[in-house]
Amino acid sequence: MTLDFIIDAIVTVIGVTTPILLAATGELIVEKSGVLNLGVEGMMLVGAVTGFAVTLNSGDALGDWAPWVGVVAAAVAGAASSMLFAFLVLTLASNQVATGLALAIFGIGLSSLVGAGYVGMVIPPFNQVFPDWLATDPIGRVVFGYSPLVYFALIMVFAVGWFMNRTRAGLILRAVGENDISAHSIGYPVIAIRYAAVAFGGALAGIGGSYFSMVITPMWAEQMTAGRGWIALALVVFSGWRAGRLLVGAYFFGILMTLELYAKASGYSFLPSQFWAAMPYIMAVAVLAVMSARGVTGSEAPACLGRPFMPNS
């Protein structure tokens, strides 16, 4: 095992982990507010096709700025799609599980429809954040050789952890998720806070989806997220709703996804590549089952998670 191989493996793990880390970070805020949004996969795909389309169509006019505008558009599209979910579950008090699943299906269908004319097209990549002599150095690649979205994802994890544990607004968010009736009784706008949390989660899911179409490929293909939104959902539970554990868990699943890529590339795996492709999902189910059997998920989950709240009831 050479140094180059180790460096390539580390870079690959960090790259494939970034979209699920972004989506899971947003979903962490959503669930901490007491809302369960299962539509992460759909929001990621909406963000992916929006970011790609905006970047492609604005490339001539905006030049190097086009990918940045595409990411902003992906965030807006993800937040907008999450507002459909928020209106149904927060204003109309519909079932959160059923509505989230509907959002996932809606996002898959909408992205396929909008992206039909973009299949196979290529967009310009992001410019490097750091100078070439740092980003292309064999050792420097591990720290400096990534897309700007990789650094953004890491910053967001630490920012969310700081926000929830060190700020008054974060404490209010957690209070709404733990006891919405008490929070409402002392004057906190529970519904407005949950709307903001859902919008934030949708924006990060949209950015996470754009990573697939703007960094990993960068081209459009139907359902290119390949179920990563479901892994992001499992990751929030796996982390015990804590930002620090979320980061560790994300890279655990990233390693599993990287094994699939190397198994396909090498052709020497004693197990078929389909097994490695299924491994992240198998592990997600296994981890959740073990945690549930030990009572971990129930004790650490926000007390109001998934429960509707009607202020006038």
Protein backbone atom coordinates (compact mmCIF):
# COMPACT_ATOMS: atom_id res chain seq x y z
CA MET A 1 0.00 0.00 0.00
CA THR A 2 1.73 3.15 -1.24
CA LEU A 3 1.49 6.69 0.10
CA ASP A 4 -0.29 7.81 -3.08
CA PHE A 5 -2.93 5.12 -2.59
CA ILE A 6 -3.54 6.22 1.02
CA ILE A 7 -3.81 9.87 -0.01
CA ASP A 8 -6.22 9.00 -2.84
CA ALA A 9 -8.34 6.95 -0.44
CA ILE A 10 -8.54 9.78 2.12
CA VAL A 11 -9.45 12.33 -0.55
CA THR A 12 -12.13 10.00 -1.91
CA VAL A 13 -13.65 9.35 1.53
CA ILE A 14 -13.86 13.05 2.29
CA GLY A 15 -15.35 13.77 -1.13
CA VAL A 16 -18.12 11.15 -1.01
CA THR A 17 -18.95 12.02 2.60
CA THR A 18 -19.61 15.71 1.96
CA PRO A 19 -23.17 15.52 0.52
CA ILE A 20 -24.52 13.28 3.29
CA LEU A 21 -22.76 15.43 5.89
CA LEU A 22 -24.47 18.55 4.54
CA ALA A 23 -27.90 16.91 4.35
CA ALA A 24 -27.57 15.33 7.80
CA THR A 25 -26.45 18.62 9.37
CA GLY A 26 -29.56 20.34 8.06
CA GLU A 27 -31.80 17.48 9.16
CA LEU A 28 -30.24 17.63 12.62
CA ILE A 29 -31.56 21.17 13.06
CA VAL A 30 -34.96 20.14 11.70
CA GLU A 31 -35.30 17.24 14.10
CA LYS A 32 -34.00 19.23 17.05
CA SER A 33 -36.96 21.54 16.50
CA GLY A 34 -39.32 18.58 16.82
CA VAL A 35 -40.04 18.00 13.12
CA LEU A 36 -39.29 14.77 11.25
CA ASN A 37 -38.72 15.39 7.55
CA LEU A 38 -38.20 12.18 5.59
CA GLY A 39 -38.05 14.06 2.28
CA VAL A 40 -34.28 14.64 2.35
CA GLU A 41 -33.70 12.53 -0.77
CA GLY A 42 -36.22 14.56 -2.74
CA MET A 43 -34.80 17.90 -1.59
CA MET A 44 -31.29 16.77 -2.51
CA LEU A 45 -32.40 15.89 -6.04
CA VAL A 46 -34.26 19.18 -6.45
CA GLY A 47 -31.10 21.00 -5.36
CA ALA A 48 -28.96 18.86 -7.66
CA VAL A 49 -30.93 19.60 -10.82
CA THR A 50 -31.43 23.28 -9.94
CA GLY A 51 -27.75 23.89 -9.22
CA PHE A 52 -26.74 22.14 -12.41
CA ALA A 53 -29.29 23.94 -14.60
CA VAL A 54 -28.47 27.40 -13.22
CA THR A 55 -24.73 26.83 -13.56
CA LEU A 56 -25.06 25.57 -17.12
CA ASN A 57 -27.35 28.38 -18.28
CA SER A 58 -25.41 31.16 -16.57
CA GLY A 59 -21.91 29.95 -17.40
CA ASP A 60 -21.37 32.28 -20.38
CA ALA A 61 -22.61 35.36 -18.53
CA LEU A 62 -21.09 34.77 -15.10
CA GLY A 63 -17.92 32.83 -15.90
CA ASP A 64 -16.17 31.59 -12.76
CA TRP A 65 -19.06 32.83 -10.61
CA ALA A 66 -21.59 30.50 -12.26
CA PRO A 67 -20.98 27.53 -9.90
CA TRP A 68 -21.42 29.77 -6.87
CA VAL A 69 -24.71 31.09 -8.21
CA GLY A 70 -25.71 27.48 -8.92
CA VAL A 71 -25.08 26.51 -5.29
CA VAL A 72 -27.15 29.45 -4.04
CA ALA A 73 -29.94 28.44 -6.42
CA ALA A 74 -29.73 24.86 -5.15
CA ALA A 75 -30.07 26.10 -1.57
CA VAL A 76 -33.10 28.22 -2.50
CA ALA A 77 -34.71 25.31 -4.37
CA GLY A 78 -34.13 22.94 -1.46
CA ALA A 79 -35.60 25.45 0.99
CA ALA A 80 -38.58 26.12 -1.29
CA SER A 81 -39.39 22.42 -1.59
CA SER A 82 -39.09 22.05 2.18
CA MET A 83 -41.67 24.82 2.58
CA LEU A 84 -44.25 22.64 0.84
CA PHE A 85 -43.63 20.05 3.53
CA ALA A 86 -43.63 22.68 6.28
CA PHE A 87 -46.97 24.14 5.20
CA LEU A 88 -48.61 20.73 5.21
CA VAL A 89 -47.24 19.51 8.54
CA LEU A 90 -46.97 22.76 10.52
CA THR A 91 -49.95 24.73 9.27
CA LEU A 92 -52.31 21.92 8.28
CA ALA A 93 -50.96 19.38 10.85
CA SER A 94 -50.69 16.52 8.35
CA ASN A 95 -48.81 13.36 9.23
CA GLN A 96 -45.09 14.08 9.12
CA VAL A 97 -43.98 10.62 8.03
CA ALA A 98 -46.43 10.36 5.14
CA THR A 99 -45.80 13.95 4.03
CA GLY A 100 -42.03 13.47 4.14
CA LEU A 101 -42.26 10.36 2.00
CA ALA A 102 -44.46 12.26 -0.44
CA LEU A 103 -41.84 15.02 -0.62
CA ALA A 104 -39.14 12.45 -1.40
CA ILE A 105 -41.22 11.01 -4.25
CA PHE A 106 -42.12 14.50 -5.48
CA GLY A 107 -38.47 15.53 -5.57
CA ILE A 108 -37.45 12.43 -7.49
CA GLY A 109 -40.15 12.98 -10.10
CA LEU A 110 -39.62 16.73 -10.43
CA SER A 111 -35.85 16.39 -10.81
CA SER A 112 -36.30 13.75 -13.52
CA LEU A 113 -38.73 15.99 -15.38
CA VAL A 114 -36.64 19.16 -15.17
CA GLY A 115 -33.38 17.33 -15.83
CA ALA A 116 -34.57 15.42 -18.92
CA GLY A 117 -33.04 18.01 -21.22
CA TYR A 118 -29.72 18.15 -19.37
CA VAL A 119 -28.70 14.47 -19.41
CA GLY A 120 -25.07 14.10 -20.48
CA MET A 121 -24.27 17.81 -20.45
CA VAL A 122 -21.19 19.04 -18.57
CA ILE A 123 -20.68 22.21 -16.52
CA PRO A 124 -17.50 24.06 -15.49
CA PRO A 125 -16.11 23.03 -12.10
CA PHE A 126 -15.40 25.23 -9.09
CA ASN A 127 -12.09 27.03 -9.00
CA GLN A 128 -9.71 25.77 -6.34
CA VAL A 129 -9.76 27.56 -3.01
CA PHE A 130 -6.02 27.26 -2.48
CA PRO A 131 -3.08 27.81 -4.85
CA ASP A 132 -2.11 24.98 -7.22
CA TRP A 133 1.19 24.37 -5.48
CA LEU A 134 -0.74 23.50 -2.31
CA ALA A 135 -3.74 21.72 -3.82
CA THR A 136 -1.72 19.47 -6.14
CA ASP A 137 1.10 18.61 -3.75
CA PRO A 138 0.83 14.89 -2.81
CA ILE A 139 0.59 15.63 0.91
CA GLY A 140 -1.16 18.98 0.53
CA ARG A 141 -4.08 17.38 -1.33
CA VAL A 142 -5.30 15.84 1.94
CA VAL A 143 -5.90 19.31 3.39
CA PHE A 144 -6.06 21.74 0.48
CA GLY A 145 -7.24 19.74 -2.54
CA TYR A 146 -11.02 19.84 -2.19
CA SER A 147 -14.01 21.68 -3.56
CA PRO A 148 -15.15 24.74 -1.56
CA LEU A 149 -18.27 22.78 -0.58
CA VAL A 150 -16.15 20.33 1.42
CA TYR A 151 -14.86 23.13 3.64
CA PHE A 152 -18.35 24.62 3.82
CA ALA A 153 -19.74 21.29 5.07
CA LEU A 154 -17.13 21.06 7.82
CA ILE A 155 -17.73 24.66 8.86
CA MET A 156 -21.48 24.06 9.02
CA VAL A 157 -21.11 21.02 11.31
CA PHE A 158 -19.08 22.99 13.83
CA ALA A 159 -21.32 26.05 13.44
CA VAL A 160 -24.45 23.99 14.11
CA GLY A 161 -22.84 22.33 17.13
CA TRP A 162 -21.86 25.73 18.51
CA PHE A 163 -25.29 27.17 17.74
CA MET A 164 -27.19 24.42 19.56
CA ASN A 165 -24.95 24.29 22.61
CA ARG A 166 -23.63 27.82 23.05
CA THR A 167 -26.32 30.24 21.95
CA ARG A 168 -29.66 31.37 23.35
CA ALA A 169 -31.33 30.79 19.98
CA GLY A 170 -30.04 27.23 19.96
CA LEU A 171 -31.41 26.67 23.45
CA ILE A 172 -34.81 27.96 22.31
CA LEU A 173 -34.73 25.62 19.30
CA ARG A 174 -34.01 22.67 21.56
CA ALA A 175 -36.72 23.74 23.99
CA VAL A 176 -39.25 23.80 21.16
CA GLY A 177 -38.24 20.27 20.21
CA GLU A 178 -38.35 18.97 23.77
CA ASN A 179 -41.59 20.59 24.97
CA ASP A 180 -43.45 22.67 22.43
CA ILE A 181 -46.41 23.39 24.72
CA SER A 182 -44.19 24.85 27.45
CA ALA A 183 -42.20 26.86 24.89
CA HIS A 184 -45.44 28.26 23.48
CA SER A 185 -46.78 29.08 26.94
CA ILE A 186 -43.82 31.35 27.71
CA GLY A 187 -44.13 33.19 24.43
CA TYR A 188 -41.86 31.47 21.93
CA PRO A 189 -43.30 31.25 18.37
CA VAL A 190 -43.11 27.46 17.98
CA ILE A 191 -44.49 27.31 14.45
CA ALA A 192 -42.24 30.12 13.17
CA ILE A 193 -39.16 28.49 14.71
CA ARG A 194 -40.02 25.18 13.12
CA TYR A 195 -40.60 26.84 9.75
CA ALA A 196 -37.12 28.38 9.96
CA ALA A 197 -35.56 25.06 10.98
CA VAL A 198 -37.24 23.21 8.10
CA ALA A 199 -36.10 25.89 5.62
CA PHE A 200 -32.52 25.64 6.89
CA GLY A 201 -32.60 21.86 6.58
CA GLY A 202 -33.97 22.11 3.05
CA ALA A 203 -31.28 24.61 2.04
CA LEU A 204 -28.45 22.35 3.25
CA ALA A 205 -30.06 19.32 1.60
CA GLY A 206 -30.23 21.27 -1.66
CA ILE A 207 -26.55 22.21 -1.40
CA GLY A 208 -25.70 18.59 -0.59
CA GLY A 209 -27.56 17.49 -3.71
CA SER A 210 -25.76 20.07 -5.84
CA TYR A 211 -22.46 18.49 -4.78
CA PHE A 212 -23.36 15.42 -6.84
CA SER A 213 -24.17 17.29 -10.05
CA MET A 214 -21.58 20.06 -9.71
CA VAL A 215 -18.56 18.41 -8.09
CA ILE A 216 -18.62 14.61 -8.15
CA THR A 217 -19.58 14.17 -11.81
CA PRO A 218 -20.10 17.18 -12.80
CA MET A 219 -23.04 16.33 -15.07
CA TRP A 220 -26.68 15.49 -14.64
CA ALA A 221 -28.14 11.99 -14.41
CA GLU A 222 -31.48 10.88 -13.03
CA GLN A 223 -31.57 9.90 -9.34
CA MET A 224 -27.85 10.56 -9.05
CA THR A 225 -28.04 10.85 -5.26
CA ALA A 226 -28.63 7.08 -5.20
CA GLY A 227 -30.37 7.01 -1.83
CA ARG A 228 -27.82 9.11 0.04
CA GLY A 229 -30.66 11.14 1.55
CA TRP A 230 -31.84 8.06 3.43
CA ILE A 231 -28.34 7.54 4.80
CA ALA A 232 -28.36 11.16 5.98
CA LEU A 233 -31.58 10.47 7.88
CA ALA A 234 -30.12 7.38 9.50
CA LEU A 235 -26.96 9.32 10.32
CA VAL A 236 -28.89 11.81 12.46
CA VAL A 237 -30.23 8.96 14.59
CA PHE A 238 -26.85 7.22 14.58
CA SER A 239 -25.28 10.40 15.97
CA GLY A 240 -27.75 10.65 18.84
CA TRP A 241 -28.73 14.12 17.56
CA ARG A 242 -25.27 15.50 18.34
CA ALA A 243 -23.12 17.41 15.86
CA GLY A 244 -19.79 15.90 16.96
CA ARG A 245 -21.03 12.34 16.55
CA LEU A 246 -22.62 13.35 13.25
CA LEU A 247 -19.20 14.20 11.83
CA VAL A 248 -17.69 10.90 12.96
CA GLY A 249 -20.65 8.88 11.71
CA ALA A 250 -20.60 10.62 8.33
CA TYR A 251 -17.02 9.56 7.70
CA PHE A 252 -17.82 6.03 8.85
CA PHE A 253 -20.45 5.79 6.11
CA GLY A 254 -18.06 7.56 3.73
CA ILE A 255 -15.53 4.77 4.21
CA LEU A 256 -18.19 2.18 3.40
CA MET A 257 -19.16 4.03 0.23
CA THR A 258 -15.50 4.32 -0.79
CA LEU A 259 -15.08 0.56 -0.47
CA GLU A 260 -17.73 0.18 -3.17
CA LEU A 261 -15.80 2.48 -5.52
CA TYR A 262 -12.51 0.66 -5.00
CA ALA A 263 -14.18 -2.74 -5.35
CA LYS A 264 -15.55 -1.71 -8.75
CA ALA A 265 -12.29 -0.10 -9.86
CA SER A 266 -9.95 -2.91 -8.82
CA GLY A 267 -12.01 -5.90 -9.87
CA TYR A 268 -10.17 -8.00 -7.28
CA SER A 269 -12.77 -8.00 -4.52
CA PHE A 270 -13.75 -11.48 -3.33
CA LEU A 271 -17.28 -10.10 -2.95
CA PRO A 272 -19.33 -8.62 -5.82
CA SER A 273 -19.44 -4.83 -6.09
CA GLN A 274 -23.19 -4.94 -5.51
CA PHE A 275 -22.50 -6.15 -1.97
CA TRP A 276 -20.31 -3.12 -1.26
CA ALA A 277 -22.94 -0.85 -2.86
CA ALA A 278 -25.52 -2.20 -0.42
CA MET A 279 -23.20 -2.12 2.61
CA PRO A 280 -23.88 1.51 3.71
CA TYR A 281 -27.61 0.84 3.74
CA ILE A 282 -27.21 -2.51 5.50
CA MET A 283 -25.04 -0.88 8.14
CA ALA A 284 -27.52 1.97 8.57
CA VAL A 285 -30.33 -0.49 9.26
CA ALA A 286 -28.13 -2.61 11.53
CA VAL A 287 -26.92 0.36 13.59
CA LEU A 288 -30.43 1.74 14.00
CA ALA A 289 -31.73 -1.69 15.02
CA VAL A 290 -29.02 -2.10 17.67
CA MET A 291 -29.54 1.41 19.02
CA SER A 292 -33.29 0.90 19.16
CA ALA A 293 -32.90 -2.43 20.98
CA ARG A 294 -30.73 -0.73 23.60
CA GLY A 295 -33.17 2.13 24.00
CA VAL A 296 -30.64 4.72 22.87
CA THR A 297 -32.77 6.35 20.16
CA GLY A 298 -35.77 6.81 22.38
CA SER A 299 -33.80 8.41 25.22
CA GLU A 300 -31.85 10.86 23.08
CA ALA A 301 -34.46 11.86 20.51
CA PRO A 302 -36.22 15.22 20.96
CA ALA A 303 -39.37 14.51 22.97
CA CYS A 304 -41.71 16.20 20.47
CA LEU A 305 -40.14 14.69 17.36
CA GLY A 306 -42.83 13.91 14.80
CA ARG A 307 -45.71 15.21 16.94
CA PRO A 308 -48.01 17.86 15.43
CA PHE A 309 -48.47 21.13 17.29
CA MET A 310 -51.58 23.29 16.96
CA PRO A 311 -51.28 26.53 18.98
CA ASN A 312 -55.04 27.13 19.07
CA SER A 313 -56.01 23.61 20.13
